[in-house]
C-alpha atoms as a PDB file:
ATOM      1  CA  UNK A   1       0.000   0.000   0.000  1.00  0.00           C
ATOM      2  CA  UNK A   2       1.873   3.057  -1.289  1.00  0.00           C
ATOM      3  CA  UNK A   3      -0.559   5.992  -0.899  1.00  0.00           C
ATOM      4  CA  UNK A   4      -1.792   6.944   2.557  1.00  0.00           C
ATOM      5  CA  UNK A   5      -4.806   4.711   3.218  1.00  0.00           C
ATOM      6  CA  UNK A   6      -8.179   6.024   4.263  1.00  0.00           C
ATOM      7  CA  UNK A   7      -9.456   4.805   7.631  1.00  0.00           C
ATOM      8  CA  UNK A   8     -12.933   4.037   8.918  1.00  0.00           C
ATOM      9  CA  UNK A   9     -13.426   3.384  12.625  1.00  0.00           C
ATOM     10  CA  UNK A  10     -16.402   1.163  13.502  1.00  0.00           C
ATOM     11  CA  UNK A  11     -17.923   1.289  16.990  1.00  0.00           C
ATOM     12  CA  UNK A  12     -20.799  -1.031  17.903  1.00  0.00           C
ATOM     13  CA  UNK A  13     -23.159  -0.277  20.796  1.00  0.00           C
ATOM     14  CA  UNK A  14     -26.240  -1.968  22.182  1.00  0.00           C
ATOM     15  CA  UNK A  15     -27.198  -0.455  25.551  1.00  0.00           C
ATOM     16  CA  UNK A  16     -28.156   2.943  26.990  1.00  0.00           C
ATOM     17  CA  UNK A  17     -26.082   2.080  30.057  1.00  0.00           C
ATOM     18  CA  UNK A  18     -22.858   2.902  28.203  1.00  0.00           C
ATOM     19  CA  UNK A  19     -23.755   6.344  26.885  1.00  0.00           C
ATOM     20  CA  UNK A  20     -20.914   8.066  28.737  1.00  0.00           C
ATOM     21  CA  UNK A  21     -18.445   5.395  27.625  1.00  0.00           C
ATOM     22  CA  UNK A  22     -19.635   5.693  24.022  1.00  0.00           C
ATOM     23  CA  UNK A  23     -19.130   9.470  24.120  1.00  0.00           C
ATOM     24  CA  UNK A  24     -15.541   8.953  25.329  1.00  0.00           C
ATOM     25  CA  UNK A  25     -14.945   6.331  22.661  1.00  0.00           C
ATOM     26  CA  UNK A  26     -16.106   8.572  19.807  1.00  0.00           C
ATOM     27  CA  UNK A  27     -14.213  11.576  21.219  1.00  0.00           C
ATOM     28  CA  UNK A  28     -10.977   9.582  21.359  1.00  0.00           C
ATOM     29  CA  UNK A  29     -11.330   8.742  17.652  1.00  0.00           C
ATOM     30  CA  UNK A  30     -11.956  12.382  16.774  1.00  0.00           C
ATOM     31  CA  UNK A  31      -8.704  13.331  18.536  1.00  0.00           C
ATOM     32  CA  UNK A  32      -6.411  11.009  16.538  1.00  0.00           C
ATOM     33  CA  UNK A  33      -3.164  12.356  15.093  1.00  0.00           C
ATOM     34  CA  UNK A  34      -3.758  10.288  11.940  1.00  0.00           C
ATOM     35  CA  UNK A  35      -6.791  11.514   9.970  1.00  0.00           C
ATOM     36  CA  UNK A  36      -9.850   9.273  10.281  1.00  0.00           C
ATOM     37  CA  UNK A  37     -11.993   9.393   7.145  1.00  0.00           C
ATOM     38  CA  UNK A  38     -15.211   8.392   8.883  1.00  0.00           C
ATOM     39  CA  UNK A  39     -16.661   7.046  12.114  1.00  0.00           C
ATOM     40  CA  UNK A  40     -19.433   4.478  11.803  1.00  0.00           C
ATOM     41  CA  UNK A  41     -21.477   3.879  14.952  1.00  0.00           C
ATOM     42  CA  UNK A  42     -23.632   0.762  14.674  1.00  0.00           C
ATOM     43  CA  UNK A  43     -26.567   0.398  17.071  1.00  0.00           C
ATOM     44  CA  UNK A  44     -27.506  -3.202  17.737  1.00  0.00           C
ATOM     45  CA  UNK A  45     -31.321  -3.416  17.748  1.00  0.00           C
ATOM     46  CA  UNK A  46     -32.019  -0.583  20.203  1.00  0.00           C
ATOM     47  CA  UNK A  47     -34.245   2.176  18.799  1.00  0.00           C
ATOM     48  CA  UNK A  48     -33.864   4.459  21.824  1.00  0.00           C
ATOM     49  CA  UNK A  49     -30.077   4.307  21.633  1.00  0.00           C
ATOM     50  CA  UNK A  50     -30.205   4.812  17.858  1.00  0.00           C
ATOM     51  CA  UNK A  51     -32.177   8.048  18.191  1.00  0.00           C
ATOM     52  CA  UNK A  52     -29.901   9.313  20.967  1.00  0.00           C
ATOM     53  CA  UNK A  53     -26.703   8.490  19.064  1.00  0.00           C
ATOM     54  CA  UNK A  54     -27.888  10.192  15.864  1.00  0.00           C
ATOM     55  CA  UNK A  55     -28.554  13.361  17.826  1.00  0.00           C
ATOM     56  CA  UNK A  56     -25.363  13.128  19.873  1.00  0.00           C
ATOM     57  CA  UNK A  57     -22.874  12.310  17.069  1.00  0.00           C
ATOM     58  CA  UNK A  58     -23.796  14.433  14.022  1.00  0.00           C
ATOM     59  CA  UNK A  59     -20.356  13.968  12.447  1.00  0.00           C
ATOM     60  CA  UNK A  60     -20.554  10.186  12.599  1.00  0.00           C
ATOM     61  CA  UNK A  61     -22.481   7.785  10.405  1.00  0.00           C
ATOM     62  CA  UNK A  62     -24.937   6.250  12.881  1.00  0.00           C
ATOM     63  CA  UNK A  63     -26.729   3.200  11.488  1.00  0.00           C
ATOM     64  CA  UNK A  64     -28.919   0.402  12.860  1.00  0.00           C
ATOM     65  CA  UNK A  65     -27.576  -3.131  12.705  1.00  0.00           C
ATOM     66  CA  UNK A  66     -28.978  -5.002   9.706  1.00  0.00           C
ATOM     67  CA  UNK A  67     -27.581  -8.318  10.892  1.00  0.00           C
ATOM     68  CA  UNK A  68     -28.530 -10.861  13.472  1.00  0.00           C
ATOM     69  CA  UNK A  69     -28.717  -9.505  17.024  1.00  0.00           C
ATOM     70  CA  UNK A  70     -25.246  -9.536  18.550  1.00  0.00           C
ATOM     71  CA  UNK A  71     -21.790  -8.074  18.092  1.00  0.00           C
ATOM     72  CA  UNK A  72     -20.884 -10.010  14.939  1.00  0.00           C
ATOM     73  CA  UNK A  73     -24.021  -8.859  13.121  1.00  0.00           C
ATOM     74  CA  UNK A  74     -23.350  -5.257  14.162  1.00  0.00           C
ATOM     75  CA  UNK A  75     -19.744  -5.435  13.001  1.00  0.00           C
ATOM     76  CA  UNK A  76     -20.808  -6.809   9.632  1.00  0.00           C
ATOM     77  CA  UNK A  77     -23.237  -3.895   9.269  1.00  0.00           C
ATOM     78  CA  UNK A  78     -20.357  -1.531   9.998  1.00  0.00           C
ATOM     79  CA  UNK A  79     -18.166  -3.184   7.375  1.00  0.00           C
ATOM     80  CA  UNK A  80     -20.872  -2.781   4.750  1.00  0.00           C
ATOM     81  CA  UNK A  81     -21.381   0.878   5.653  1.00  0.00           C
ATOM     82  CA  UNK A  82     -17.673   1.761   5.723  1.00  0.00           C
ATOM     83  CA  UNK A  83     -15.776   3.319   2.822  1.00  0.00           C
ATOM     84  CA  UNK A  84     -12.193   3.300   4.146  1.00  0.00           C
ATOM     85  CA  UNK A  85      -9.261   1.197   2.948  1.00  0.00           C
ATOM     86  CA  UNK A  86      -8.525   0.145   6.536  1.00  0.00           C
ATOM     87  CA  UNK A  87     -11.435  -0.785   8.825  1.00  0.00           C
ATOM     88  CA  UNK A  88     -10.714  -0.363  12.517  1.00  0.00           C
ATOM     89  CA  UNK A  89     -12.885  -1.702  15.334  1.00  0.00           C
ATOM     90  CA  UNK A  90     -13.141  -0.111  18.774  1.00  0.00           C
ATOM     91  CA  UNK A  91     -15.415  -1.210  21.608  1.00  0.00           C
ATOM     92  CA  UNK A  92     -18.051   1.248  22.793  1.00  0.00           C
ATOM     93  CA  UNK A  93     -16.537   1.175  26.299  1.00  0.00           C
ATOM     94  CA  UNK A  94     -12.934   1.723  25.164  1.00  0.00           C
ATOM     95  CA  UNK A  95     -11.051   4.992  24.572  1.00  0.00           C
ATOM     96  CA  UNK A  96      -7.952   5.197  22.382  1.00  0.00           C
ATOM     97  CA  UNK A  97      -4.660   7.003  22.791  1.00  0.00           C
ATOM     98  CA  UNK A  98      -4.159   9.796  20.257  1.00  0.00           C
ATOM     99  CA  UNK A  99      -1.509   7.885  18.265  1.00  0.00           C
ATOM    100  CA  UNK A 100      -3.606   4.699  18.125  1.00  0.00           C
ATOM    101  CA  UNK A 101      -4.566   4.834  14.444  1.00  0.00           C
ATOM    102  CA  UNK A 102      -1.095   5.974  13.363  1.00  0.00           C
ATOM    103  CA  UNK A 103       0.524   2.960  15.029  1.00  0.00           C
ATOM    104  CA  UNK A 104      -1.954   0.524  13.515  1.00  0.00           C
ATOM    105  CA  UNK A 105      -1.779   1.924   9.992  1.00  0.00           C
ATOM    106  CA  UNK A 106       2.019   2.008   9.721  1.00  0.00           C
ATOM    107  CA  UNK A 107       2.110  -1.786   9.527  1.00  0.00           C
ATOM    108  CA  UNK A 108      -0.052  -1.886   6.392  1.00  0.00           C
ATOM    109  CA  UNK A 109       2.923  -0.771   4.314  1.00  0.00           C
ATOM    110  CA  UNK A 110       3.620  -4.508   4.152  1.00  0.00           C
ATOM    111  CA  UNK A 111       1.169  -5.956   1.630  1.00  0.00           C
ATOM    112  CA  UNK A 112       1.180  -9.323   3.422  1.00  0.00           C
ATOM    113  CA  UNK A 113      -0.306  -7.756   6.558  1.00  0.00           C
ATOM    114  CA  UNK A 114      -4.087  -8.114   6.503  1.00  0.00           C
ATOM    115  CA  UNK A 115      -4.832  -7.291  10.135  1.00  0.00           C
ATOM    116  CA  UNK A 116      -3.286  -5.375  13.024  1.00  0.00           C
ATOM    117  CA  UNK A 117      -4.384  -5.304  16.647  1.00  0.00           C
ATOM    118  CA  UNK A 118      -3.153  -3.325  19.603  1.00  0.00           C
ATOM    119  CA  UNK A 119      -2.887  -3.342  23.356  1.00  0.00           C
ATOM    120  CA  UNK A 120      -6.070  -3.226  25.423  1.00  0.00           C
ATOM    121  CA  UNK A 121      -5.404  -1.891  28.914  1.00  0.00           C
ATOM    122  CA  UNK A 122      -7.968  -2.418  31.690  1.00  0.00           C
ATOM    123  CA  UNK A 123      -9.465   0.755  33.167  1.00  0.00           C
ATOM    124  CA  UNK A 124     -10.867  -0.735  36.365  1.00  0.00           C
ATOM    125  CA  UNK A 125     -13.895   1.002  37.858  1.00  0.00           C
ATOM    126  CA  UNK A 126     -13.142   0.697  40.741  1.00  0.00           C
ATOM    127  CA  UNK A 127      -9.831  -1.107  41.443  1.00  0.00           C
ATOM    128  CA  UNK A 128      -9.342  -4.761  40.418  1.00  0.00           C
ATOM    129  CA  UNK A 129     -10.183  -7.457  42.971  1.00  0.00           C
ATOM    130  CA  UNK A 130      -7.171  -8.783  44.877  1.00  0.00           C
ATOM    131  CA  UNK A 131      -7.629 -12.299  43.507  1.00  0.00           C
ATOM    132  CA  UNK A 132      -7.831 -11.438  39.798  1.00  0.00           C
ATOM    133  CA  UNK A 133      -4.822 -12.792  37.805  1.00  0.00           C
ATOM    134  CA  UNK A 134      -3.498 -10.719  34.892  1.00  0.00           C
ATOM    135  CA  UNK A 135      -3.118 -13.978  32.962  1.00  0.00           C
ATOM    136  CA  UNK A 136      -6.923 -13.929  32.686  1.00  0.00           C
ATOM    137  CA  UNK A 137      -7.352 -10.340  31.514  1.00  0.00           C
ATOM    138  CA  UNK A 138      -8.985 -11.821  28.398  1.00  0.00           C
ATOM    139  CA  UNK A 139     -12.002 -12.435  30.640  1.00  0.00           C
ATOM    140  CA  UNK A 140     -12.523  -8.653  30.679  1.00  0.00           C
ATOM    141  CA  UNK A 141     -11.580  -8.195  27.011  1.00  0.00           C
ATOM    142  CA  UNK A 142      -8.059  -6.893  27.674  1.00  0.00           C
ATOM    143  CA  UNK A 143      -4.454  -7.783  26.886  1.00  0.00           C
ATOM    144  CA  UNK A 144      -3.230 -10.528  29.191  1.00  0.00           C
ATOM    145  CA  UNK A 145       0.075 -11.909  30.433  1.00  0.00           C
ATOM    146  CA  UNK A 146       1.337 -14.172  27.676  1.00  0.00           C
ATOM    147  CA  UNK A 147       0.764 -11.816  24.760  1.00  0.00           C
ATOM    148  CA  UNK A 148       3.869 -10.391  23.026  1.00  0.00           C
ATOM    149  CA  UNK A 149       5.456  -7.304  24.566  1.00  0.00           C
ATOM    150  CA  UNK A 150       6.645  -6.005  21.182  1.00  0.00           C
ATOM    151  CA  UNK A 151       5.397  -6.194  17.590  1.00  0.00           C
ATOM    152  CA  UNK A 152       4.851  -9.848  16.713  1.00  0.00           C
ATOM    153  CA  UNK A 153       2.690 -12.003  14.413  1.00  0.00           C
ATOM    154  CA  UNK A 154      -0.424 -13.423  16.097  1.00  0.00           C
ATOM    155  CA  UNK A 155      -3.324 -15.666  15.091  1.00  0.00           C
ATOM    156  CA  UNK A 156      -5.914 -12.943  15.745  1.00  0.00           C
ATOM    157  CA  UNK A 157      -6.366  -9.611  17.480  1.00  0.00           C
ATOM    158  CA  UNK A 158      -8.434  -8.709  20.538  1.00  0.00           C
ATOM    159  CA  UNK A 159     -11.884  -7.542  19.456  1.00  0.00           C
ATOM    160  CA  UNK A 160     -11.774  -4.267  21.399  1.00  0.00           C
ATOM    161  CA  UNK A 161      -8.824  -3.054  19.321  1.00  0.00           C
ATOM    162  CA  UNK A 162      -8.388  -4.560  15.868  1.00  0.00           C
ATOM    163  CA  UNK A 163      -8.151  -3.543  12.215  1.00  0.00           C
ATOM    164  CA  UNK A 164      -8.286  -5.183   8.795  1.00  0.00           C
ATOM    165  CA  UNK A 165      -7.952  -4.268   5.168  1.00  0.00           C
ATOM    166  CA  UNK A 166     -11.264  -3.851   3.381  1.00  0.00           C
ATOM    167  CA  UNK A 167     -10.142  -6.383   0.775  1.00  0.00           C
ATOM    168  CA  UNK A 168      -9.707  -8.967   3.551  1.00  0.00           C
ATOM    169  CA  UNK A 169     -13.475  -9.082   4.034  1.00  0.00           C
ATOM    170  CA  UNK A 170     -14.049  -9.138   0.286  1.00  0.00           C
ATOM    171  CA  UNK A 171     -11.885 -12.259   0.014  1.00  0.00           C
ATOM    172  CA  UNK A 172     -12.728 -14.154   3.214  1.00  0.00           C
ATOM    173  CA  UNK A 173     -16.284 -13.062   3.972  1.00  0.00           C
ATOM    174  CA  UNK A 174     -17.842 -11.486   7.051  1.00  0.00           C
ATOM    175  CA  UNK A 175     -17.761 -12.340  10.741  1.00  0.00           C
ATOM    176  CA  UNK A 176     -19.746 -15.469  11.547  1.00  0.00           C
ATOM    177  CA  UNK A 177     -22.955 -14.280  13.186  1.00  0.00           C
ATOM    178  CA  UNK A 178     -23.473 -17.513  15.103  1.00  0.00           C
ATOM    179  CA  UNK A 179     -20.424 -16.590  17.209  1.00  0.00           C
ATOM    180  CA  UNK A 180     -19.674 -13.637  19.452  1.00  0.00           C
ATOM    181  CA  UNK A 181     -21.315 -11.657  22.216  1.00  0.00           C
ATOM    182  CA  UNK A 182     -25.070 -11.114  22.228  1.00  0.00           C
ATOM    183  CA  UNK A 183     -26.016  -8.368  24.697  1.00  0.00           C
ATOM    184  CA  UNK A 184     -24.534  -9.327  28.071  1.00  0.00           C
ATOM    185  CA  UNK A 185     -24.068 -13.004  27.136  1.00  0.00           C
ATOM    186  CA  UNK A 186     -20.260 -13.356  27.324  1.00  0.00           C
ATOM    187  CA  UNK A 187     -19.585 -15.515  24.284  1.00  0.00           C
ATOM    188  CA  UNK A 188     -16.806 -14.698  21.858  1.00  0.00           C
ATOM    189  CA  UNK A 189     -14.103 -16.068  19.539  1.00  0.00           C
ATOM    190  CA  UNK A 190     -15.542 -14.640  16.316  1.00  0.00           C
ATOM    191  CA  UNK A 191     -12.168 -12.908  15.829  1.00  0.00           C
ATOM    192  CA  UNK A 192     -10.397 -16.265  16.222  1.00  0.00           C
ATOM    193  CA  UNK A 193     -12.557 -17.965  13.618  1.00  0.00           C
ATOM    194  CA  UNK A 194     -12.250 -15.017  11.230  1.00  0.00           C
ATOM    195  CA  UNK A 195      -8.449 -14.981  11.524  1.00  0.00           C
ATOM    196  CA  UNK A 196      -8.228 -18.698  10.742  1.00  0.00           C
ATOM    197  CA  UNK A 197     -10.572 -18.303   7.789  1.00  0.00           C
ATOM    198  CA  UNK A 198      -8.582 -15.387   6.360  1.00  0.00           C
ATOM    199  CA  UNK A 199      -5.412 -17.471   6.319  1.00  0.00           C
ATOM    200  CA  UNK A 200      -7.255 -20.272   4.549  1.00  0.00           C
ATOM    201  CA  UNK A 201      -8.622 -17.864   1.926  1.00  0.00           C
ATOM    202  CA  UNK A 202      -5.419 -15.813   1.596  1.00  0.00           C
ATOM    203  CA  UNK A 203      -2.310 -17.982   1.974  1.00  0.00           C
ATOM    204  CA  UNK A 204       0.548 -15.890   3.328  1.00  0.00           C
ATOM    205  CA  UNK A 205      -1.716 -13.355   5.049  1.00  0.00           C
ATOM    206  CA  UNK A 206      -0.300 -12.104   8.354  1.00  0.00           C
ATOM    207  CA  UNK A 207      -1.781 -10.542  11.468  1.00  0.00           C
ATOM    208  CA  UNK A 208       0.315  -8.385  13.770  1.00  0.00           C
ATOM    209  CA  UNK A 209      -0.029  -7.345  17.398  1.00  0.00           C
ATOM    210  CA  UNK A 210       1.461  -3.958  18.317  1.00  0.00           C
ATOM    211  CA  UNK A 211       1.077  -3.338  22.067  1.00  0.00           C
ATOM    212  CA  UNK A 212       1.991   0.337  21.561  1.00  0.00           C
ATOM    213  CA  UNK A 213      -1.332   0.955  19.778  1.00  0.00           C
ATOM    214  CA  UNK A 214      -3.200   1.322  23.046  1.00  0.00           C
ATOM    215  CA  UNK A 215      -6.800   1.669  24.051  1.00  0.00           C
ATOM    216  CA  UNK A 216      -8.205   1.768  27.575  1.00  0.00           C
ATOM    217  CA  UNK A 217     -11.091  -0.624  28.171  1.00  0.00           C
ATOM    218  CA  UNK A 218     -13.484   0.242  30.993  1.00  0.00           C
ATOM    219  CA  UNK A 219     -14.096  -2.637  33.410  1.00  0.00           C
ATOM    220  CA  UNK A 220     -17.295  -2.005  35.354  1.00  0.00           C
ATOM    221  CA  UNK A 221     -18.080  -3.296  38.820  1.00  0.00           C
ATOM    222  CA  UNK A 222     -20.221  -6.190  37.562  1.00  0.00           C
ATOM    223  CA  UNK A 223     -17.177  -7.700  35.820  1.00  0.00           C
ATOM    224  CA  UNK A 224     -15.156  -7.765  39.037  1.00  0.00           C
ATOM    225  CA  UNK A 225     -17.077 -10.654  40.604  1.00  0.00           C
ATOM    226  CA  UNK A 226     -16.002 -14.282  40.847  1.00  0.00           C
ATOM    227  CA  UNK A 227     -19.373 -15.232  39.379  1.00  0.00           C
ATOM    228  CA  UNK A 228     -18.680 -13.258  36.194  1.00  0.00           C
ATOM    229  CA  UNK A 229     -15.156 -14.692  36.031  1.00  0.00           C
ATOM    230  CA  UNK A 230     -16.439 -18.269  36.117  1.00  0.00           C
ATOM    231  CA  UNK A 231     -19.276 -17.531  33.683  1.00  0.00           C
ATOM    232  CA  UNK A 232     -16.928 -15.884  31.218  1.00  0.00           C
ATOM    233  CA  UNK A 233     -14.398 -18.729  31.404  1.00  0.00           C
ATOM    234  CA  UNK A 234     -17.097 -21.333  30.759  1.00  0.00           C
ATOM    235  CA  UNK A 235     -18.448 -19.286  27.859  1.00  0.00           C
ATOM    236  CA  UNK A 236     -14.951 -19.036  26.388  1.00  0.00           C
ATOM    237  CA  UNK A 237     -14.742 -22.809  26.428  1.00  0.00           C
ATOM    238  CA  UNK A 238     -18.078 -23.068  24.642  1.00  0.00           C
ATOM    239  CA  UNK A 239     -16.900 -20.523  22.068  1.00  0.00           C
ATOM    240  CA  UNK A 240     -13.654 -22.398  21.428  1.00  0.00           C
ATOM    241  CA  UNK A 241     -15.673 -25.569  20.883  1.00  0.00           C
ATOM    242  CA  UNK A 242     -17.813 -23.750  18.302  1.00  0.00           C
ATOM    243  CA  UNK A 243     -14.711 -22.489  16.485  1.00  0.00           C
ATOM    244  CA  UNK A 244     -13.264 -25.996  16.559  1.00  0.00           C
ATOM    245  CA  UNK A 245     -16.412 -27.221  14.805  1.00  0.00           C
ATOM    246  CA  UNK A 246     -15.932 -24.647  12.057  1.00  0.00           C
ATOM    247  CA  UNK A 247     -12.160 -24.570  11.651  1.00  0.00           C
ATOM    248  CA  UNK A 248     -10.825 -27.705  13.336  1.00  0.00           C
ATOM    249  CA  UNK A 249      -9.287 -28.016  16.794  1.00  0.00           C
ATOM    250  CA  UNK A 250      -5.705 -27.709  15.518  1.00  0.00           C
ATOM    251  CA  UNK A 251      -6.172 -24.126  14.319  1.00  0.00           C
ATOM    252  CA  UNK A 252      -8.751 -23.151  16.930  1.00  0.00           C
ATOM    253  CA  UNK A 253      -6.432 -24.014  19.831  1.00  0.00           C
ATOM    254  CA  UNK A 254      -3.029 -23.213  18.303  1.00  0.00           C
ATOM    255  CA  UNK A 255      -2.335 -20.212  20.579  1.00  0.00           C
ATOM    256  CA  UNK A 256      -4.030 -21.691  23.624  1.00  0.00           C
ATOM    257  CA  UNK A 257      -1.667 -24.655  23.863  1.00  0.00           C
ATOM    258  CA  UNK A 258       1.354 -22.497  24.647  1.00  0.00           C
ATOM    259  CA  UNK A 259      -0.709 -20.341  26.985  1.00  0.00           C
ATOM    260  CA  UNK A 260      -1.911 -23.368  28.982  1.00  0.00           C
ATOM    261  CA  UNK A 261       1.453 -25.167  29.007  1.00  0.00           C
ATOM    262  CA  UNK A 262       3.734 -22.216  29.771  1.00  0.00           C
ATOM    263  CA  UNK A 263       1.978 -19.022  30.832  1.00  0.00           C
ATOM    264  CA  UNK A 264      -0.537 -20.420  33.330  1.00  0.00           C
ATOM    265  CA  UNK A 265       1.908 -22.716  35.182  1.00  0.00           C
ATOM    266  CA  UNK A 266       4.284 -19.783  35.681  1.00  0.00           C
ATOM    267  CA  UNK A 267       1.454 -17.630  36.983  1.00  0.00           C
ATOM    268  CA  UNK A 268       0.255 -20.391  39.302  1.00  0.00           C
ATOM    269  CA  UNK A 269       3.724 -20.922  40.799  1.00  0.00           C
ATOM    270  CA  UNK A 270       4.285 -17.174  41.113  1.00  0.00           C
ATOM    271  CA  UNK A 271       1.050 -16.869  43.054  1.00  0.00           C
ATOM    272  CA  UNK A 272       2.294 -19.438  45.556  1.00  0.00           C
ATOM    273  CA  UNK A 273       6.029 -18.870  46.010  1.00  0.00           C
ATOM    274  CA  UNK A 274       6.965 -15.375  44.776  1.00  0.00           C
ATOM    275  CA  UNK A 275       8.081 -12.741  47.257  1.00  0.00           C
ATOM    276  CA  UNK A 276       4.726 -11.034  46.876  1.00  0.00           C
ATOM    277  CA  UNK A 277       2.807 -14.258  46.571  1.00  0.00           C
ATOM    278  CA  UNK A 278      -0.963 -14.284  46.318  1.00  0.00           C
ATOM    279  CA  UNK A 279      -2.471 -17.757  46.766  1.00  0.00           C
ATOM    280  CA  UNK A 280      -5.875 -16.367  45.780  1.00  0.00           C
ATOM    281  CA  UNK A 281      -4.536 -15.563  42.297  1.00  0.00           C
ATOM    282  CA  UNK A 282      -3.085 -19.056  41.994  1.00  0.00           C
ATOM    283  CA  UNK A 283      -6.461 -20.504  42.958  1.00  0.00           C
ATOM    284  CA  UNK A 284      -8.210 -18.271  40.398  1.00  0.00           C
ATOM    285  CA  UNK A 285      -5.831 -19.490  37.668  1.00  0.00           C
ATOM    286  CA  UNK A 286      -6.644 -23.105  38.502  1.00  0.00           C
ATOM    287  CA  UNK A 287     -10.366 -22.387  38.666  1.00  0.00           C
ATOM    288  CA  UNK A 288     -10.359 -20.423  35.424  1.00  0.00           C
ATOM    289  CA  UNK A 289      -8.486 -23.122  33.528  1.00  0.00           C
ATOM    290  CA  UNK A 290     -10.708 -25.909  34.847  1.00  0.00           C
ATOM    291  CA  UNK A 291     -13.876 -23.974  34.033  1.00  0.00           C
ATOM    292  CA  UNK A 292     -12.739 -23.124  30.518  1.00  0.00           C
ATOM    293  CA  UNK A 293     -11.858 -26.751  29.835  1.00  0.00           C
ATOM    294  CA  UNK A 294     -15.255 -27.816  31.175  1.00  0.00           C
ATOM    295  CA  UNK A 295     -16.964 -25.376  28.802  1.00  0.00           C
ATOM    296  CA  UNK A 296     -14.917 -26.626  25.864  1.00  0.00           C
ATOM    297  CA  UNK A 297     -15.650 -30.277  26.588  1.00  0.00           C
ATOM    298  CA  UNK A 298     -19.326 -29.511  27.111  1.00  0.00           C
ATOM    299  CA  UNK A 299     -19.465 -27.660  23.801  1.00  0.00           C
ATOM    300  CA  UNK A 300     -17.753 -30.475  21.950  1.00  0.00           C
ATOM    301  CA  UNK A 301     -20.115 -33.042  23.417  1.00  0.00           C
ATOM    302  CA  UNK A 302     -23.094 -30.961  22.332  1.00  0.00           C
ATOM    303  CA  UNK A 303     -21.775 -30.666  18.785  1.00  0.00           C
ATOM    304  CA  UNK A 304     -21.235 -34.417  18.530  1.00  0.00           C
ATOM    305  CA  UNK A 305     -24.763 -35.102  19.706  1.00  0.00           C
ATOM    306  CA  UNK A 306     -26.256 -33.016  16.899  1.00  0.00           C
ATOM    307  CA  UNK A 307     -27.385 -34.686  13.717  1.00  0.00           C
ATOM    308  CA  UNK A 308     -25.097 -32.476  11.576  1.00  0.00           C
ATOM    309  CA  UNK A 309     -21.458 -33.518  11.993  1.00  0.00           C
ATOM    310  CA  UNK A 310     -18.811 -30.923  12.804  1.00  0.00           C
ATOM    311  CA  UNK A 311     -17.002 -31.419   9.491  1.00  0.00           C
ATOM    312  CA  UNK A 312     -19.879 -29.795   7.605  1.00  0.00           C
ATOM    313  CA  UNK A 313     -18.513 -26.427   8.769  1.00  0.00           C
ATOM    314  CA  UNK A 314     -16.664 -24.249   6.264  1.00  0.00           C
ATOM    315  CA  UNK A 315     -13.370 -26.059   6.867  1.00  0.00           C
ATOM    316  CA  UNK A 316     -14.981 -29.424   6.209  1.00  0.00           C
ATOM    317  CA  UNK A 317     -16.554 -28.210   2.968  1.00  0.00           C
ATOM    318  CA  UNK A 318     -13.419 -26.554   1.636  1.00  0.00           C
ATOM    319  CA  UNK A 319     -10.407 -28.818   1.367  1.00  0.00           C
ATOM    320  CA  UNK A 320      -7.440 -26.574   0.652  1.00  0.00           C
ATOM    321  CA  UNK A 321      -7.137 -23.113  -0.880  1.00  0.00           C
ATOM    322  CA  UNK A 322      -8.540 -24.249  -4.223  1.00  0.00           C
ATOM    323  CA  UNK A 323     -11.973 -24.545  -2.686  1.00  0.00           C
ATOM    324  CA  UNK A 324     -11.919 -20.993  -1.365  1.00  0.00           C
ATOM    325  CA  UNK A 325     -13.170 -19.023  -4.356  1.00  0.00           C
ATOM    326  CA  UNK A 326     -14.085 -15.412  -3.635  1.00  0.00           C
ATOM    327  CA  UNK A 327     -15.150 -16.094  -0.058  1.00  0.00           C
ATOM    328  CA  UNK A 328     -17.454 -18.912  -1.242  1.00  0.00           C
ATOM    329  CA  UNK A 329     -16.549 -21.023   1.806  1.00  0.00           C
ATOM    330  CA  UNK A 330     -17.082 -18.295   4.361  1.00  0.00           C
ATOM    331  CA  UNK A 331     -20.040 -18.802   6.696  1.00  0.00           C
ATOM    332  CA  UNK A 332     -21.577 -15.573   5.408  1.00  0.00           C
ATOM    333  CA  UNK A 333     -20.307 -13.755   2.309  1.00  0.00           C
ATOM    334  CA  UNK A 334     -19.755 -10.030   2.513  1.00  0.00           C
ATOM    335  CA  UNK A 335     -22.345  -8.593   0.135  1.00  0.00           C
ATOM    336  CA  UNK A 336     -24.050  -5.180   0.004  1.00  0.00           C
END
């Protein structure tokens, strides 16, 4: 990409409870040092919020979600509405540093790079609970211990802070709307499945993680509880099982193997024997891992009990790159 690319930032929102956060999110995009061509705010099936947002953000393109209820459907609506060369996604409860876009976009000078994500720092409201391990920051949608500390290739970005080329969607299709968060239901992994599918459709495509491209993700009080922690871990297991059905367990769990075998054991030991040990964090690591595994196994058992076998997912239908013709094997093609 030789000329300076145009950028569209897509922000999806679904609840009136995050109005203040959404205002901060939009304001942080308007203050970027790199020019943002347009801001698309997608409202996920909430007429009251849609009317408020249209009045509050006159310089943004505020549109209702035309997809299935949930984050993936809203993101797909944003992709269809966007006109930029680079499409950047920011959560409605996250605010970006002023150099955020500049740091993301610089990596697209390499034509092989099809996606770039950045660091997601937790903005606890109030302080984090004493037992919460940073290895499980993914529970709250943030960067966690185990991610690279400098620019490195990754399988997929964190949904609160990610970007892709427009042509990536044209080749690989849209986000799968059967995956991802719906309202407060803490499912996810649509970014994982999309990243795997892009590599299948575009051999040689790379995704980068640049921790310097920072956003601050608000973590409300309700996400500080042990109940939410357990619920989110179990839901992550279910989501990984769903991705495994679509893409195969080898790809779906490629990053998780190193995380489970290296990162979590170090965190567990540190919680028990370090100078500033915290046995409660060690216990939370063990609980979180066990709960996530239980969710994954439960999800796999459910899929095997269905009449339609797992291999009828897009990976099962498309053997090799030759079968991936213009996004034909994507769960949902990207069409106007």
